[in-house]
N, C-alpha and C. Protein backbone atom coordinates (compact mmCIF):
# COMPACT_ATOMS: atom_id res chain seq x y z
N MET A 1 7.23 -16.87 -19.27
CA MET A 1 7.48 -15.80 -19.50
C MET A 1 6.76 -14.54 -18.53
N SER A 2 7.54 -13.95 -18.15
CA SER A 2 7.00 -13.05 -16.86
C SER A 2 5.99 -12.29 -17.51
N ILE A 3 5.21 -11.32 -16.37
CA ILE A 3 4.23 -10.43 -17.08
C ILE A 3 4.85 -9.25 -16.71
N ILE A 4 4.86 -8.15 -17.95
CA ILE A 4 5.71 -6.90 -17.70
C ILE A 4 4.69 -5.89 -18.00
N ILE A 5 4.54 -5.07 -17.31
CA ILE A 5 3.76 -3.77 -17.26
C ILE A 5 4.77 -2.45 -17.43
N LYS A 6 4.12 -2.07 -18.77
CA LYS A 6 5.19 -0.79 -19.10
C LYS A 6 4.49 0.52 -19.01
N GLU A 7 4.90 1.36 -18.43
CA GLU A 7 4.45 2.94 -18.84
C GLU A 7 2.65 2.72 -18.58
N LEU A 8 2.20 2.34 -17.94
CA LEU A 8 0.83 2.20 -17.43
C LEU A 8 0.13 3.47 -17.68
N TYR A 9 -0.87 3.82 -17.69
CA TYR A 9 -1.94 4.86 -17.36
C TYR A 9 -3.26 4.59 -17.56
N LYS A 10 -3.67 5.26 -16.49
CA LYS A 10 -5.51 4.38 -16.45
C LYS A 10 -6.07 5.69 -15.65
N LYS A 11 -7.15 6.30 -15.75
CA LYS A 11 -7.91 6.67 -15.41
C LYS A 11 -9.72 6.74 -15.38
N TYR A 12 -10.37 7.42 -13.69
CA TYR A 12 -11.41 7.04 -14.77
C TYR A 12 -12.14 8.66 -14.08
N GLY A 13 -12.62 9.35 -15.23
CA GLY A 13 -12.86 10.60 -14.91
C GLY A 13 -11.70 11.42 -15.02
N GLU A 14 -12.00 12.07 -13.89
CA GLU A 14 -10.78 12.71 -13.07
C GLU A 14 -9.87 12.47 -12.46
N VAL A 15 -10.13 11.03 -12.21
CA VAL A 15 -9.34 10.01 -11.03
C VAL A 15 -8.18 9.41 -11.59
N VAL A 16 -7.21 9.57 -11.27
CA VAL A 16 -5.86 8.85 -12.26
C VAL A 16 -5.86 7.56 -11.21
N ILE A 17 -5.54 6.05 -11.70
CA ILE A 17 -5.69 5.40 -11.02
C ILE A 17 -4.09 4.68 -10.82
N PHE A 18 -3.60 5.02 -12.28
CA PHE A 18 -2.05 4.79 -12.83
C PHE A 18 -1.51 5.43 -13.95
N GLU A 19 -0.50 6.05 -13.15
CA GLU A 19 0.41 6.81 -14.26
C GLU A 19 2.01 6.83 -13.99
N ASN A 20 2.30 6.11 -15.54
CA ASN A 20 3.44 5.53 -15.84
C ASN A 20 4.01 4.59 -14.96
N PHE A 21 3.35 3.81 -14.57
CA PHE A 21 3.50 2.58 -13.56
C PHE A 21 4.53 1.18 -14.27
N ASN A 22 5.19 0.92 -13.59
CA ASN A 22 5.86 -0.24 -14.44
C ASN A 22 5.85 -1.29 -13.27
N LEU A 23 5.69 -2.64 -13.78
CA LEU A 23 6.11 -3.74 -12.74
C LEU A 23 6.19 -5.10 -13.55
N VAL A 24 6.57 -5.98 -12.72
CA VAL A 24 6.90 -6.76 -13.50
C VAL A 24 6.71 -8.01 -12.35
N PHE A 25 5.76 -9.03 -13.12
CA PHE A 25 4.84 -10.47 -12.36
C PHE A 25 5.86 -11.89 -12.68
N LYS A 26 6.59 -12.19 -11.94
CA LYS A 26 7.03 -13.42 -12.28
C LYS A 26 6.67 -14.85 -12.44
N LYS A 27 7.10 -15.20 -13.38
CA LYS A 27 6.46 -16.22 -13.98
C LYS A 27 6.43 -17.87 -13.05
N ASN A 28 4.79 -18.06 -12.67
CA ASN A 28 5.02 -19.41 -11.80
C ASN A 28 5.19 -19.26 -10.57
N LYS A 29 5.12 -17.69 -10.44
CA LYS A 29 4.84 -17.57 -8.97
C LYS A 29 3.66 -16.84 -8.22
N ILE A 30 3.43 -16.93 -7.16
CA ILE A 30 2.38 -16.37 -6.52
C ILE A 30 2.47 -14.99 -5.92
N THR A 31 2.08 -13.84 -6.42
CA THR A 31 2.57 -12.38 -6.10
C THR A 31 1.01 -12.26 -5.26
N GLY A 32 1.56 -11.49 -4.25
CA GLY A 32 -0.20 -10.96 -3.20
C GLY A 32 0.14 -9.44 -3.55
N ILE A 33 -1.00 -8.82 -3.34
CA ILE A 33 -0.80 -7.52 -3.77
C ILE A 33 -1.83 -7.15 -2.30
N LEU A 34 -1.24 -6.10 -1.48
CA LEU A 34 -1.63 -5.35 -0.52
C LEU A 34 -2.11 -3.64 -0.85
N GLY A 35 -3.09 -3.31 -0.35
CA GLY A 35 -3.11 -1.65 -0.66
C GLY A 35 -4.44 -1.17 -0.14
N PRO A 36 -5.05 0.22 0.16
CA PRO A 36 -5.85 0.89 0.83
C PRO A 36 -7.35 0.35 -0.31
N SER A 37 -7.86 0.19 0.36
CA SER A 37 -9.45 -0.09 -0.61
C SER A 37 -9.32 1.14 -1.56
N GLY A 38 -9.70 0.67 -2.86
CA GLY A 38 -10.07 1.64 -4.05
C GLY A 38 -8.73 2.24 -4.20
N SER A 39 -7.99 1.57 -4.17
CA SER A 39 -6.17 1.93 -4.92
C SER A 39 -6.13 1.84 -6.03
N GLY A 40 -6.75 0.79 -6.61
CA GLY A 40 -6.49 0.09 -7.62
C GLY A 40 -6.13 -1.16 -7.91
N LYS A 41 -5.87 -1.85 -7.04
CA LYS A 41 -5.89 -3.26 -7.17
C LYS A 41 -6.69 -4.11 -7.71
N THR A 42 -8.21 -3.91 -7.78
CA THR A 42 -8.92 -5.01 -8.67
C THR A 42 -8.83 -4.28 -10.09
N THR A 43 -8.58 -2.89 -10.36
CA THR A 43 -8.19 -2.19 -11.43
C THR A 43 -7.13 -3.15 -12.42
N LEU A 44 -5.85 -3.55 -11.79
CA LEU A 44 -4.90 -3.95 -12.22
C LEU A 44 -5.11 -5.43 -12.70
N LEU A 45 -6.47 -5.95 -12.10
CA LEU A 45 -6.54 -7.33 -12.08
C LEU A 45 -7.21 -7.46 -13.30
N ASN A 46 -8.16 -6.34 -13.58
CA ASN A 46 -9.16 -6.16 -14.81
C ASN A 46 -8.35 -5.93 -15.91
N LEU A 47 -7.16 -5.20 -15.80
CA LEU A 47 -6.69 -4.76 -16.76
C LEU A 47 -5.58 -6.15 -17.48
N CYS A 48 -5.21 -6.77 -16.72
CA CYS A 48 -4.51 -8.16 -16.82
C CYS A 48 -5.60 -8.94 -17.49
N SER A 49 -6.18 -8.91 -17.05
CA SER A 49 -7.60 -9.77 -17.69
C SER A 49 -8.27 -9.63 -19.11
N GLY A 50 -7.77 -8.30 -19.27
CA GLY A 50 -8.51 -7.44 -20.72
C GLY A 50 -10.09 -7.04 -20.34
N LEU A 51 -10.68 -7.29 -19.44
CA LEU A 51 -11.94 -7.02 -18.70
C LEU A 51 -11.98 -5.11 -19.19
N GLU A 52 -10.91 -4.72 -18.95
CA GLU A 52 -10.66 -3.16 -19.15
C GLU A 52 -9.24 -2.98 -19.75
N GLN A 53 -9.05 -1.77 -20.66
CA GLN A 53 -8.01 -1.30 -21.42
C GLN A 53 -7.54 -0.47 -20.83
N PRO A 54 -6.23 -0.30 -21.10
CA PRO A 54 -5.48 0.90 -20.57
C PRO A 54 -5.61 2.01 -21.42
N ASP A 55 -5.66 3.33 -20.87
CA ASP A 55 -5.50 4.31 -21.84
C ASP A 55 -4.20 4.59 -22.35
N SER A 56 -2.90 4.47 -21.98
CA SER A 56 -2.04 4.10 -22.60
C SER A 56 -0.93 2.99 -22.09
N GLY A 57 -0.20 2.76 -22.57
CA GLY A 57 1.09 1.87 -21.95
C GLY A 57 0.44 0.49 -22.25
N MET A 58 1.62 -0.69 -21.89
CA MET A 58 1.56 -1.86 -22.49
C MET A 58 1.52 -2.86 -21.07
N ILE A 59 0.94 -4.09 -21.51
CA ILE A 59 0.89 -5.18 -20.42
C ILE A 59 1.10 -6.38 -21.25
N GLU A 60 2.93 -6.90 -21.06
CA GLU A 60 2.78 -7.81 -22.12
C GLU A 60 3.32 -9.34 -21.16
N GLY A 61 3.38 -10.56 -22.04
CA GLY A 61 3.18 -11.95 -21.21
C GLY A 61 2.06 -12.45 -20.86
N ILE A 62 0.93 -11.79 -21.40
CA ILE A 62 -0.61 -12.50 -21.03
C ILE A 62 -1.04 -13.27 -22.80
N ASN A 63 -1.46 -14.48 -22.53
CA ASN A 63 -2.05 -14.85 -23.30
C ASN A 63 -3.55 -14.94 -23.26
N PRO A 64 -4.60 -13.72 -23.81
CA PRO A 64 -5.88 -13.78 -23.18
C PRO A 64 -6.74 -15.21 -23.75
N GLN A 65 -6.37 -15.88 -23.89
CA GLN A 65 -7.09 -17.38 -24.11
C GLN A 65 -6.89 -18.25 -22.74
N ALA A 66 -5.90 -17.66 -22.04
CA ALA A 66 -5.17 -18.64 -20.83
C ALA A 66 -5.18 -17.66 -19.65
N ILE A 67 -6.01 -17.32 -19.44
CA ILE A 67 -6.60 -16.78 -18.02
C ILE A 67 -7.68 -17.33 -17.37
N SER A 68 -7.70 -17.34 -15.74
CA SER A 68 -8.52 -17.97 -14.92
C SER A 68 -8.67 -16.83 -14.08
N TYR A 69 -10.00 -16.61 -13.53
CA TYR A 69 -9.95 -15.22 -12.85
C TYR A 69 -11.28 -16.01 -11.28
N ILE A 70 -10.66 -15.58 -10.01
CA ILE A 70 -11.57 -16.15 -8.78
C ILE A 70 -11.75 -14.97 -8.37
N PHE A 71 -13.39 -15.00 -8.19
CA PHE A 71 -13.98 -13.40 -7.82
C PHE A 71 -14.18 -13.46 -6.30
N GLN A 72 -14.73 -12.60 -5.90
CA GLN A 72 -14.82 -12.69 -4.34
C GLN A 72 -16.06 -13.52 -3.88
N GLU A 73 -17.03 -13.36 -5.48
CA GLU A 73 -18.33 -14.61 -4.91
C GLU A 73 -18.01 -15.60 -5.99
N PRO A 74 -18.59 -16.73 -5.63
CA PRO A 74 -18.40 -17.78 -6.49
C PRO A 74 -18.55 -17.70 -7.94
N ARG A 75 -19.75 -16.96 -8.64
CA ARG A 75 -20.33 -16.59 -9.66
C ARG A 75 -20.59 -18.12 -10.50
N LEU A 76 -20.86 -19.04 -9.89
CA LEU A 76 -21.64 -20.65 -10.90
C LEU A 76 -22.80 -20.71 -11.38
N LEU A 77 -23.08 -21.19 -11.94
CA LEU A 77 -24.45 -21.23 -12.69
C LEU A 77 -25.70 -22.10 -11.71
N PRO A 78 -26.38 -21.23 -11.52
CA PRO A 78 -27.32 -22.00 -10.22
C PRO A 78 -28.11 -23.11 -11.03
N TRP A 79 -28.65 -23.68 -12.33
CA TRP A 79 -29.23 -24.31 -12.49
C TRP A 79 -28.69 -25.38 -13.52
N ARG A 80 -26.95 -25.32 -12.77
CA ARG A 80 -25.98 -26.18 -13.41
C ARG A 80 -25.34 -27.34 -11.90
N THR A 81 -25.38 -28.30 -11.84
CA THR A 81 -24.72 -29.35 -10.98
C THR A 81 -23.34 -28.80 -10.73
N VAL A 82 -22.78 -28.96 -9.61
CA VAL A 82 -21.18 -28.70 -9.58
C VAL A 82 -20.22 -28.90 -10.56
N ARG A 83 -20.72 -30.41 -11.07
CA ARG A 83 -19.87 -31.19 -12.18
C ARG A 83 -20.04 -30.40 -13.25
N GLU A 84 -21.81 -29.89 -13.56
CA GLU A 84 -21.74 -29.42 -14.90
C GLU A 84 -21.28 -27.99 -15.19
N ASN A 85 -21.05 -27.11 -14.03
CA ASN A 85 -20.33 -26.05 -13.88
C ASN A 85 -19.00 -26.31 -14.51
N LEU A 86 -18.27 -27.02 -13.69
CA LEU A 86 -17.16 -27.25 -14.23
C LEU A 86 -16.85 -27.86 -15.66
N ARG A 87 -17.86 -28.90 -16.25
CA ARG A 87 -17.95 -29.00 -17.48
C ARG A 87 -18.18 -27.80 -18.61
N PHE A 88 -19.09 -27.05 -17.90
CA PHE A 88 -19.17 -25.81 -18.78
C PHE A 88 -17.99 -25.15 -19.14
N VAL A 89 -17.48 -25.34 -18.30
CA VAL A 89 -15.76 -24.28 -18.54
C VAL A 89 -14.90 -24.72 -19.32
N PHE A 90 -14.53 -25.94 -19.52
CA PHE A 90 -13.84 -26.61 -19.95
C PHE A 90 -14.52 -27.86 -21.13
N LYS A 91 -15.43 -28.02 -21.22
CA LYS A 91 -15.65 -29.03 -21.87
C LYS A 91 -15.33 -30.05 -22.48
N GLU A 92 -14.41 -30.78 -21.56
CA GLU A 92 -13.60 -32.16 -21.82
C GLU A 92 -13.76 -32.53 -20.79
N LYS A 93 -13.64 -33.93 -20.71
CA LYS A 93 -13.65 -35.21 -19.65
C LYS A 93 -12.07 -34.62 -18.83
N SER A 94 -11.37 -34.29 -19.29
CA SER A 94 -10.09 -34.13 -18.60
C SER A 94 -9.38 -32.53 -19.25
N ILE A 95 -8.88 -32.24 -18.93
CA ILE A 95 -7.61 -31.32 -19.22
C ILE A 95 -6.31 -31.41 -19.12
N LYS A 96 -5.61 -31.68 -20.08
CA LYS A 96 -4.19 -31.88 -20.61
C LYS A 96 -3.39 -30.33 -21.00
N LYS A 97 -2.79 -30.16 -20.29
CA LYS A 97 -1.82 -28.75 -20.36
C LYS A 97 -0.51 -29.37 -20.32
N PRO A 98 0.29 -29.00 -21.31
CA PRO A 98 1.61 -29.37 -21.56
C PRO A 98 2.45 -28.99 -20.20
N GLY A 99 3.29 -30.25 -19.89
CA GLY A 99 3.89 -29.69 -18.45
C GLY A 99 3.21 -29.45 -17.20
N SER A 100 2.46 -29.86 -16.94
CA SER A 100 1.45 -30.20 -15.90
C SER A 100 0.86 -31.34 -15.79
N HIS A 101 0.23 -31.80 -14.67
CA HIS A 101 -0.55 -32.96 -14.33
C HIS A 101 -2.04 -32.96 -15.10
N ASP A 102 -2.38 -34.30 -15.33
CA ASP A 102 -3.56 -34.12 -16.01
C ASP A 102 -4.62 -34.08 -14.85
N LEU A 103 -5.58 -33.72 -14.97
CA LEU A 103 -6.81 -33.62 -13.36
C LEU A 103 -7.63 -33.73 -14.05
N ASP A 104 -9.06 -34.58 -13.97
CA ASP A 104 -9.73 -34.75 -14.45
C ASP A 104 -11.03 -33.96 -13.53
N ILE A 105 -12.35 -33.85 -13.63
CA ILE A 105 -13.22 -33.09 -12.46
C ILE A 105 -13.66 -34.34 -11.28
N ASP A 106 -13.57 -35.24 -11.42
CA ASP A 106 -13.46 -36.18 -10.50
C ASP A 106 -12.26 -36.42 -9.53
N ALA A 107 -11.31 -35.91 -10.35
CA ALA A 107 -9.98 -36.30 -9.35
C ALA A 107 -9.67 -34.60 -8.66
N MET A 108 -10.30 -33.39 -9.10
CA MET A 108 -10.39 -32.18 -8.72
C MET A 108 -11.62 -31.93 -8.01
N LEU A 109 -12.27 -32.57 -7.66
CA LEU A 109 -13.37 -32.76 -6.80
C LEU A 109 -12.72 -33.40 -5.43
N GLU A 110 -12.23 -34.83 -5.23
CA GLU A 110 -11.53 -35.24 -4.43
C GLU A 110 -10.57 -34.27 -3.74
N LEU A 111 -10.09 -33.52 -4.81
CA LEU A 111 -8.51 -32.88 -3.83
C LEU A 111 -8.90 -31.59 -3.48
N VAL A 112 -10.36 -31.04 -3.76
CA VAL A 112 -10.94 -29.73 -2.60
C VAL A 112 -11.92 -30.52 -2.00
N GLY A 113 -12.09 -31.63 -1.59
CA GLY A 113 -13.14 -32.26 -0.40
C GLY A 113 -14.52 -32.44 -0.61
N LEU A 114 -14.51 -32.23 -2.43
CA LEU A 114 -15.78 -31.88 -2.70
C LEU A 114 -16.77 -33.35 -3.49
N ALA A 115 -15.79 -34.31 -3.23
CA ALA A 115 -16.17 -35.71 -4.24
C ALA A 115 -17.76 -36.03 -4.32
N THR A 116 -18.51 -35.90 -2.70
CA THR A 116 -19.63 -36.57 -2.89
C THR A 116 -20.46 -35.63 -3.20
N VAL A 117 -20.39 -34.03 -3.95
CA VAL A 117 -21.31 -33.54 -3.84
C VAL A 117 -21.55 -33.10 -5.37
N GLY A 118 -20.73 -33.78 -6.32
CA GLY A 118 -20.88 -33.62 -7.68
C GLY A 118 -22.00 -33.27 -8.64
N ASP A 119 -22.80 -34.11 -7.95
CA ASP A 119 -24.54 -33.85 -8.44
C ASP A 119 -25.36 -32.72 -7.78
N HIS A 120 -24.55 -32.61 -6.90
CA HIS A 120 -25.99 -31.12 -6.17
C HIS A 120 -25.69 -29.69 -6.64
N TYR A 121 -26.64 -28.67 -6.95
CA TYR A 121 -26.61 -27.47 -7.37
C TYR A 121 -25.87 -26.71 -6.45
N PRO A 122 -25.12 -25.83 -6.80
CA PRO A 122 -24.87 -24.69 -6.09
C PRO A 122 -25.90 -24.08 -4.77
N GLN A 123 -27.13 -23.89 -5.16
CA GLN A 123 -27.55 -23.58 -3.77
C GLN A 123 -27.97 -24.29 -2.73
N GLU A 124 -27.83 -26.01 -2.93
CA GLU A 124 -27.59 -26.77 -2.07
C GLU A 124 -26.29 -26.74 -1.05
N LEU A 125 -25.11 -26.01 -1.45
CA LEU A 125 -23.84 -25.89 -0.85
C LEU A 125 -23.39 -24.85 -0.13
N SER A 126 -22.68 -24.87 0.73
CA SER A 126 -22.61 -24.03 2.06
C SER A 126 -21.73 -22.86 1.37
N GLY A 127 -21.21 -21.41 1.86
CA GLY A 127 -20.54 -20.23 0.98
C GLY A 127 -19.03 -21.11 0.55
N GLY A 128 -18.66 -21.82 1.58
CA GLY A 128 -16.95 -22.09 1.66
C GLY A 128 -17.04 -23.31 0.57
N MET A 129 -17.69 -23.95 0.28
CA MET A 129 -18.20 -25.42 -0.59
C MET A 129 -18.31 -24.57 -1.88
N ARG A 130 -19.03 -23.67 -2.40
CA ARG A 130 -19.04 -22.60 -3.61
C ARG A 130 -17.96 -22.70 -3.96
N GLN A 131 -17.19 -21.60 -3.23
CA GLN A 131 -15.97 -20.96 -3.34
C GLN A 131 -14.51 -22.04 -3.25
N ARG A 132 -14.72 -23.36 -3.10
CA ARG A 132 -13.98 -24.42 -3.43
C ARG A 132 -14.60 -24.85 -5.05
N VAL A 133 -15.80 -24.71 -5.08
CA VAL A 133 -15.71 -25.22 -6.19
C VAL A 133 -15.40 -24.09 -7.52
N SER A 134 -15.29 -22.99 -7.13
CA SER A 134 -14.66 -21.72 -8.10
C SER A 134 -13.12 -21.95 -8.21
N ILE A 135 -12.80 -22.32 -7.21
CA ILE A 135 -10.95 -22.97 -7.07
C ILE A 135 -11.15 -23.95 -7.86
N ALA A 136 -11.94 -25.05 -7.82
CA ALA A 136 -11.05 -26.31 -8.38
C ALA A 136 -11.48 -25.46 -9.78
N ARG A 137 -12.36 -24.97 -10.46
CA ARG A 137 -12.63 -24.42 -11.96
C ARG A 137 -11.84 -23.61 -12.26
N ALA A 138 -11.26 -22.50 -11.73
CA ALA A 138 -9.98 -22.09 -11.95
C ALA A 138 -8.82 -23.01 -12.47
N PHE A 139 -8.62 -23.86 -11.46
CA PHE A 139 -7.38 -24.86 -12.09
C PHE A 139 -7.85 -25.62 -13.00
N LEU A 140 -8.67 -25.95 -13.30
CA LEU A 140 -8.97 -27.06 -14.29
C LEU A 140 -9.14 -26.61 -15.53
N TYR A 141 -9.54 -25.31 -15.71
CA TYR A 141 -9.35 -24.23 -16.87
C TYR A 141 -7.70 -24.64 -17.05
N PRO A 142 -7.33 -24.68 -18.18
CA PRO A 142 -6.04 -24.60 -18.57
C PRO A 142 -5.41 -23.33 -18.86
N SER A 143 -5.26 -22.71 -17.84
CA SER A 143 -4.64 -21.05 -17.76
C SER A 143 -3.37 -21.28 -17.30
N GLU A 144 -2.61 -19.83 -17.90
CA GLU A 144 -1.07 -19.57 -17.61
C GLU A 144 -1.46 -18.43 -16.56
N LEU A 145 -2.45 -17.97 -16.35
CA LEU A 145 -2.07 -17.16 -15.24
C LEU A 145 -3.67 -17.08 -14.50
N LEU A 146 -3.30 -17.03 -13.18
CA LEU A 146 -4.80 -16.97 -12.58
C LEU A 146 -4.71 -15.84 -11.47
N LEU A 147 -5.99 -14.95 -11.89
CA LEU A 147 -5.78 -13.76 -10.95
C LEU A 147 -7.03 -14.02 -9.91
N MET A 148 -6.88 -13.43 -8.72
CA MET A 148 -7.56 -13.84 -7.32
C MET A 148 -8.04 -12.61 -6.94
N ASP A 149 -9.46 -12.36 -7.06
CA ASP A 149 -9.78 -10.66 -6.33
C ASP A 149 -10.45 -11.36 -5.12
N GLU A 150 -9.54 -11.21 -3.97
CA GLU A 150 -10.32 -11.10 -2.41
C GLU A 150 -11.08 -12.84 -2.23
N PRO A 151 -10.80 -13.47 -2.94
CA PRO A 151 -11.44 -14.92 -2.87
C PRO A 151 -11.90 -15.16 -1.65
N PHE A 152 -11.27 -15.12 -0.47
CA PHE A 152 -11.76 -15.53 0.75
C PHE A 152 -12.45 -14.70 2.00
N SER A 153 -12.78 -13.11 1.04
CA SER A 153 -13.05 -11.88 2.14
C SER A 153 -14.28 -12.34 2.71
N SER A 154 -15.31 -13.16 2.11
CA SER A 154 -16.80 -13.68 2.72
C SER A 154 -16.80 -14.49 3.68
N LEU A 155 -15.57 -15.19 3.77
CA LEU A 155 -15.30 -16.73 4.58
C LEU A 155 -15.28 -16.40 6.24
N ASP A 156 -15.93 -17.10 6.89
CA ASP A 156 -15.15 -17.24 8.19
C ASP A 156 -13.70 -17.70 8.08
N CYS A 157 -13.21 -17.72 9.71
CA CYS A 157 -11.87 -17.71 9.98
C CYS A 157 -11.73 -19.56 9.48
N ALA A 158 -12.02 -20.38 10.03
CA ALA A 158 -12.24 -21.73 9.63
C ALA A 158 -12.35 -22.45 8.15
N LEU A 159 -13.16 -21.74 7.54
CA LEU A 159 -13.18 -21.98 6.00
C LEU A 159 -12.01 -21.19 5.41
N LYS A 160 -11.45 -20.01 5.77
CA LYS A 160 -10.48 -19.45 4.69
C LYS A 160 -9.61 -20.32 5.40
N ASN A 161 -9.49 -20.90 6.26
CA ASN A 161 -8.19 -21.77 6.42
C ASN A 161 -8.16 -22.89 5.60
N ARG A 162 -9.29 -23.53 5.82
CA ARG A 162 -9.16 -24.39 4.70
C ARG A 162 -9.44 -24.36 3.40
N LEU A 163 -9.75 -23.46 2.88
CA LEU A 163 -9.54 -23.00 1.29
C LEU A 163 -7.96 -22.35 1.17
N ILE A 164 -7.32 -21.90 1.72
CA ILE A 164 -5.71 -21.44 2.03
C ILE A 164 -5.23 -22.75 1.54
N GLU A 165 -5.20 -23.96 2.36
CA GLU A 165 -4.68 -24.72 2.55
C GLU A 165 -4.85 -25.57 1.29
N ASP A 166 -6.46 -25.68 0.57
CA ASP A 166 -6.72 -26.64 -0.66
C ASP A 166 -6.18 -25.90 -1.99
N PHE A 167 -5.96 -24.15 -1.60
CA PHE A 167 -5.50 -23.76 -3.10
C PHE A 167 -3.94 -24.11 -2.95
N SER A 168 -3.23 -24.11 -1.85
CA SER A 168 -1.72 -24.54 -1.97
C SER A 168 -1.56 -25.57 -2.07
N LYS A 169 -2.30 -26.52 -2.02
CA LYS A 169 -2.47 -28.01 -2.18
C LYS A 169 -2.26 -27.90 -3.76
N ILE A 170 -3.37 -27.51 -4.31
CA ILE A 170 -3.64 -27.61 -5.55
C ILE A 170 -2.30 -27.06 -6.89
N TRP A 171 -1.78 -25.71 -6.27
CA TRP A 171 -0.90 -25.04 -7.23
C TRP A 171 0.53 -25.32 -6.97
N GLU A 172 0.66 -26.21 -5.79
CA GLU A 172 2.16 -26.97 -5.74
C GLU A 172 2.03 -28.14 -6.71
N GLN A 173 0.70 -28.86 -6.98
CA GLN A 173 0.74 -29.81 -8.40
C GLN A 173 0.98 -29.35 -9.48
N ASP A 174 0.44 -27.88 -9.74
CA ASP A 174 -0.04 -27.53 -10.97
C ASP A 174 0.30 -25.78 -10.72
N LYS A 175 1.54 -25.52 -11.04
CA LYS A 175 2.13 -24.00 -10.61
C LYS A 175 1.57 -23.33 -12.05
N ARG A 176 1.12 -22.35 -11.58
CA ARG A 176 1.21 -21.36 -12.58
C ARG A 176 1.07 -20.10 -12.06
N THR A 177 1.52 -18.64 -12.54
CA THR A 177 1.35 -17.50 -12.53
C THR A 177 0.29 -16.79 -11.74
N VAL A 178 0.30 -16.36 -10.51
CA VAL A 178 -1.08 -16.07 -9.65
C VAL A 178 -0.70 -14.77 -9.27
N ILE A 179 -1.72 -13.76 -9.34
CA ILE A 179 -1.41 -12.46 -8.84
C ILE A 179 -2.72 -12.62 -7.77
N PHE A 180 -2.38 -12.36 -6.73
CA PHE A 180 -3.68 -12.31 -5.72
C PHE A 180 -3.93 -10.73 -4.76
N VAL A 181 -5.00 -10.50 -4.80
CA VAL A 181 -5.35 -8.96 -4.19
C VAL A 181 -6.23 -9.27 -3.08
N SER A 182 -5.33 -8.79 -1.91
CA SER A 182 -6.37 -8.88 -0.27
C SER A 182 -5.88 -7.65 0.55
N HIS A 183 -6.70 -7.43 1.09
CA HIS A 183 -7.01 -6.68 2.19
C HIS A 183 -6.17 -7.08 3.31
N ASN A 184 -6.08 -8.13 3.40
CA ASN A 184 -5.71 -8.93 4.71
C ASN A 184 -4.17 -9.54 4.61
N GLU A 185 -3.40 -8.93 5.50
CA GLU A 185 -2.08 -9.14 5.31
C GLU A 185 -2.01 -10.88 5.07
N ASP A 186 -2.24 -11.18 6.24
CA ASP A 186 -2.44 -12.58 7.07
C ASP A 186 -2.53 -13.83 5.87
N GLU A 187 -3.46 -13.59 4.94
CA GLU A 187 -3.98 -14.58 3.92
C GLU A 187 -2.82 -14.17 2.90
N ILE A 188 -2.20 -13.14 2.51
CA ILE A 188 -1.36 -13.18 1.37
C ILE A 188 0.03 -13.64 2.00
N ARG A 189 0.18 -13.39 3.11
CA ARG A 189 1.47 -13.95 3.72
C ARG A 189 1.49 -15.50 3.72
N ARG A 190 0.45 -16.37 3.93
CA ARG A 190 0.59 -17.43 3.87
C ARG A 190 0.31 -18.29 2.31
N LEU A 191 0.10 -17.39 1.32
CA LEU A 191 -0.18 -17.49 0.19
C LEU A 191 1.11 -17.40 -0.86
N ALA A 192 1.42 -16.06 -0.72
CA ALA A 192 2.52 -15.52 -1.60
C ALA A 192 4.07 -15.90 -1.50
N GLN A 193 4.70 -15.80 -2.64
CA GLN A 193 6.22 -16.04 -2.47
C GLN A 193 6.64 -14.40 -2.29
N GLU A 194 5.79 -13.77 -3.06
CA GLU A 194 5.91 -12.13 -3.08
C GLU A 194 4.99 -11.58 -2.75
N VAL A 195 5.20 -10.32 -2.10
CA VAL A 195 4.47 -9.36 -1.51
C VAL A 195 4.54 -7.94 -2.17
N LEU A 196 3.73 -7.57 -2.53
CA LEU A 196 3.65 -6.06 -3.34
C LEU A 196 3.03 -5.26 -2.31
N THR A 197 3.37 -4.06 -1.63
CA THR A 197 2.16 -2.66 -1.29
C THR A 197 2.57 -1.87 -2.19
N PHE A 198 0.89 -1.41 -2.17
CA PHE A 198 0.86 -0.66 -3.25
C PHE A 198 -0.08 0.98 -2.60
N SER A 199 0.67 2.02 -2.71
CA SER A 199 0.05 3.13 -2.08
C SER A 199 -1.14 3.47 -2.65
N ASP A 200 -2.25 4.54 -2.15
CA ASP A 200 -3.42 4.88 -2.58
C ASP A 200 -3.29 5.50 -4.35
N LYS A 201 -4.24 5.90 -4.47
CA LYS A 201 -4.36 6.48 -6.14
C LYS A 201 -3.53 7.78 -5.84
N PRO A 202 -2.67 8.22 -7.67
CA PRO A 202 -2.40 7.06 -8.45
C PRO A 202 -1.63 5.78 -7.91
N VAL A 203 -1.07 4.73 -8.25
CA VAL A 203 -0.70 3.77 -7.40
C VAL A 203 0.80 4.11 -7.59
N GLN A 204 1.51 4.64 -6.65
CA GLN A 204 3.01 3.58 -6.81
C GLN A 204 3.45 2.09 -5.54
N LEU A 205 4.58 1.69 -6.26
CA LEU A 205 4.81 0.36 -5.45
C LEU A 205 5.42 0.98 -4.18
N LEU A 206 5.09 0.81 -3.25
CA LEU A 206 5.69 1.26 -1.64
C LEU A 206 7.11 0.25 -1.00
N LYS A 207 6.36 -1.22 -1.09
CA LYS A 207 7.56 -2.09 -0.69
C LYS A 207 7.33 -3.14 -1.60
N LYS A 208 8.53 -3.86 -1.40
CA LYS A 208 8.41 -5.15 -2.46
C LYS A 208 8.96 -5.90 -1.32
N GLU A 209 7.97 -7.54 -1.01
CA GLU A 209 9.18 -8.31 -0.11
C GLU A 209 8.80 -10.04 -0.91
N ILE A 210 10.27 -10.33 -0.50
CA ILE A 210 10.62 -11.98 -1.00
C ILE A 210 10.26 -12.82 0.03
N LEU A 211 9.13 -13.80 0.12
CA LEU A 211 9.20 -14.43 1.07
C LEU A 211 9.38 -15.92 0.98
N GLY A 212 9.42 -16.25 -0.35
CA GLY A 212 10.05 -17.76 -0.77
C GLY A 212 10.05 -17.74 -2.46
């Protein structure tokens, strides 16, 4: 089922972010969102995740129990190893999601190139490796919707390219609906099948491009 946003209204104080805003996100597609800083991109992700509530309007087609969120920083538990961080999220030896591949923790760590560091703690890893753990965690959780808030923004070019390749490889094996926010047009175009360009607030959809 697609995600349908109807007549969305959201403001902070006197600042209106969304006003009578309507949008559809296609199921099992990666949709990238470009727009000025502070225009409401992260607010939209938070509304979709349930971290924030709209003042009025509706967001349909989201199961609140089936959402993964990749933030700008990894947000790993520092007192748990990589493997324990992953176990903490899903609490099973393997995750079985109807209609998708069954990937256990070790298989996922192998897929993102971290098979040898499963027993390491986050502080023992580089920034790029920690972010790969966060991507592995998001995909291992049996979600239907994956939200990404500029997860590559703090990384150098080489690490960013590796993570984008990792993400694309995993998504091809386990497709789900992805909403990806970034200031970086190159990142968006490398990952997304559809690109939406937002105006400054109150948000309007300026352009929609279908890439694949």
